[in-house]
Amino acid sequence: MSDIATDVITLIQKRMPPETKRALEPADKLKDLGIDSLSVVELIFDLEEKFNIQIPYNANDTQPEFETVGEVIDAIRTVVAKQS
């Protein structure tokens, strides 16, 4: 696993409720991990700070941009690659 994936998973695990903490797989859905909409916004701030990036995100959108752990990892890889 790449460093980006490891760092993203670590940040996601920090936002998970204690009773849901476990090893994560790319197919795991954020909502199934106990990550609600507020936690997603906080996670985005964490990711932006960690990778020194800006993530395009519309908090008013009712359809989540990131549903799975893998989608978060892919999105961060894409944004980081564009800045390189």
C-alpha atoms as a PDB file:
ATOM      1  CA  MET A   1       0.000   0.000   0.000  1.00  0.00           C
ATOM      2  CA  SER A   2       1.283   3.441  -0.838  1.00  0.00           C
ATOM      3  CA  ASP A   3       2.055   6.087   1.743  1.00  0.00           C
ATOM      4  CA  ILE A   4      -0.963   8.095   0.590  1.00  0.00           C
ATOM      5  CA  ALA A   5      -3.286   5.137   1.167  1.00  0.00           C
ATOM      6  CA  THR A   6      -1.779   4.450   4.585  1.00  0.00           C
ATOM      7  CA  ASP A   7      -2.081   8.091   5.634  1.00  0.00           C
ATOM      8  CA  VAL A   8      -5.673   8.335   4.364  1.00  0.00           C
ATOM      9  CA  ILE A   9      -6.669   5.160   6.208  1.00  0.00           C
ATOM     10  CA  THR A  10      -5.061   6.447   9.411  1.00  0.00           C
ATOM     11  CA  LEU A  11      -7.042   9.688   9.159  1.00  0.00           C
ATOM     12  CA  ILE A  12     -10.282   7.835   8.443  1.00  0.00           C
ATOM     13  CA  GLN A  13      -9.709   5.584  11.457  1.00  0.00           C
ATOM     14  CA  LYS A  14      -9.280   8.667  13.660  1.00  0.00           C
ATOM     15  CA  ARG A  15     -12.791   9.805  12.653  1.00  0.00           C
ATOM     16  CA  MET A  16     -14.419   6.426  13.310  1.00  0.00           C
ATOM     17  CA  PRO A  17     -16.369   5.900  16.537  1.00  0.00           C
ATOM     18  CA  PRO A  18     -14.372   3.710  18.963  1.00  0.00           C
ATOM     19  CA  GLU A  19     -16.804   0.795  18.687  1.00  0.00           C
ATOM     20  CA  THR A  20     -16.318   0.558  14.913  1.00  0.00           C
ATOM     21  CA  LYS A  21     -12.511   0.747  14.778  1.00  0.00           C
ATOM     22  CA  ARG A  22     -10.965  -2.070  12.758  1.00  0.00           C
ATOM     23  CA  ALA A  23      -8.733  -2.686   9.758  1.00  0.00           C
ATOM     24  CA  LEU A  24     -10.124  -0.990   6.669  1.00  0.00           C
ATOM     25  CA  GLU A  25     -10.582  -2.203   3.121  1.00  0.00           C
ATOM     26  CA  PRO A  26     -11.029   0.021   0.025  1.00  0.00           C
ATOM     27  CA  ALA A  27     -14.614  -1.222  -0.430  1.00  0.00           C
ATOM     28  CA  ASP A  28     -15.676  -0.202   3.109  1.00  0.00           C
ATOM     29  CA  LYS A  29     -18.400   2.434   3.023  1.00  0.00           C
ATOM     30  CA  LEU A  30     -17.795   5.459   5.229  1.00  0.00           C
ATOM     31  CA  LYS A  31     -21.369   5.410   6.553  1.00  0.00           C
ATOM     32  CA  ASP A  32     -20.962   1.752   7.578  1.00  0.00           C
ATOM     33  CA  LEU A  33     -17.867   2.778   9.540  1.00  0.00           C
ATOM     34  CA  GLY A  34     -19.913   5.265  11.570  1.00  0.00           C
ATOM     35  CA  ILE A  35     -18.604   8.322   9.744  1.00  0.00           C
ATOM     36  CA  ASP A  36     -21.455  10.807   9.480  1.00  0.00           C
ATOM     37  CA  SER A  37     -21.635  13.973   7.373  1.00  0.00           C
ATOM     38  CA  LEU A  38     -19.944  16.118  10.039  1.00  0.00           C
ATOM     39  CA  SER A  39     -17.127  13.602  10.346  1.00  0.00           C
ATOM     40  CA  VAL A  40     -16.702  13.649   6.557  1.00  0.00           C
ATOM     41  CA  VAL A  41     -16.237  17.427   6.631  1.00  0.00           C
ATOM     42  CA  GLU A  42     -13.727  17.080   9.477  1.00  0.00           C
ATOM     43  CA  LEU A  43     -11.968  14.310   7.551  1.00  0.00           C
ATOM     44  CA  ILE A  44     -11.672  16.591   4.531  1.00  0.00           C
ATOM     45  CA  PHE A  45     -10.034  19.254   6.701  1.00  0.00           C
ATOM     46  CA  ASP A  46      -7.654  16.601   8.089  1.00  0.00           C
ATOM     47  CA  LEU A  47      -6.746  15.429   4.579  1.00  0.00           C
ATOM     48  CA  GLU A  48      -6.209  18.966   3.301  1.00  0.00           C
ATOM     49  CA  GLU A  49      -3.896  19.716   6.205  1.00  0.00           C
ATOM     50  CA  LYS A  50      -1.982  16.423   5.960  1.00  0.00           C
ATOM     51  CA  PHE A  51      -1.339  16.642   2.211  1.00  0.00           C
ATOM     52  CA  ASN A  52      -1.290  20.458   1.903  1.00  0.00           C
ATOM     53  CA  ILE A  53      -4.042  20.360  -0.729  1.00  0.00           C
ATOM     54  CA  GLN A  54      -7.519  21.732  -1.331  1.00  0.00           C
ATOM     55  CA  ILE A  55     -10.279  19.213  -1.897  1.00  0.00           C
ATOM     56  CA  PRO A  56     -13.262  20.377  -3.921  1.00  0.00           C
ATOM     57  CA  TYR A  57     -16.266  19.535  -1.743  1.00  0.00           C
ATOM     58  CA  ASN A  58     -19.823  20.832  -1.663  1.00  0.00           C
ATOM     59  CA  ALA A  59     -21.247  20.443   1.844  1.00  0.00           C
ATOM     60  CA  ASN A  60     -24.701  21.351   0.523  1.00  0.00           C
ATOM     61  CA  ASP A  61     -24.752  18.421  -1.879  1.00  0.00           C
ATOM     62  CA  THR A  62     -27.069  15.692  -0.616  1.00  0.00           C
ATOM     63  CA  GLN A  63     -25.182  13.008  -2.543  1.00  0.00           C
ATOM     64  CA  PRO A  64     -21.833  12.260  -0.860  1.00  0.00           C
ATOM     65  CA  GLU A  65     -18.788  12.627  -3.067  1.00  0.00           C
ATOM     66  CA  PHE A  66     -16.943   9.924  -1.162  1.00  0.00           C
ATOM     67  CA  GLU A  67     -18.790   6.736  -0.296  1.00  0.00           C
ATOM     68  CA  THR A  68     -15.939   4.296   0.249  1.00  0.00           C
ATOM     69  CA  VAL A  69     -12.445   4.274   1.677  1.00  0.00           C
ATOM     70  CA  GLY A  70     -11.111   3.530  -1.808  1.00  0.00           C
ATOM     71  CA  GLU A  71     -12.871   6.565  -3.282  1.00  0.00           C
ATOM     72  CA  VAL A  72     -11.252   8.803  -0.673  1.00  0.00           C
ATOM     73  CA  ILE A  73      -7.819   7.326  -1.427  1.00  0.00           C
ATOM     74  CA  ASP A  74      -8.315   7.728  -5.192  1.00  0.00           C
ATOM     75  CA  ALA A  75      -9.497  11.326  -4.807  1.00  0.00           C
ATOM     76  CA  ILE A  76      -6.480  12.263  -2.683  1.00  0.00           C
ATOM     77  CA  ARG A  77      -4.091  10.573  -5.127  1.00  0.00           C
ATOM     78  CA  THR A  78      -5.671  12.548  -7.983  1.00  0.00           C
ATOM     79  CA  VAL A  79      -5.437  15.907  -6.203  1.00  0.00           C
ATOM     80  CA  VAL A  80      -1.868  15.268  -5.039  1.00  0.00           C
ATOM     81  CA  ALA A  81      -0.812  14.185  -8.555  1.00  0.00           C
ATOM     82  CA  LYS A  82      -2.261  17.387 -10.052  1.00  0.00           C
ATOM     83  CA  GLN A  83      -0.171  19.474  -7.647  1.00  0.00           C
ATOM     84  CA  SER A  84       3.061  17.641  -8.429  1.00  0.00           C
END
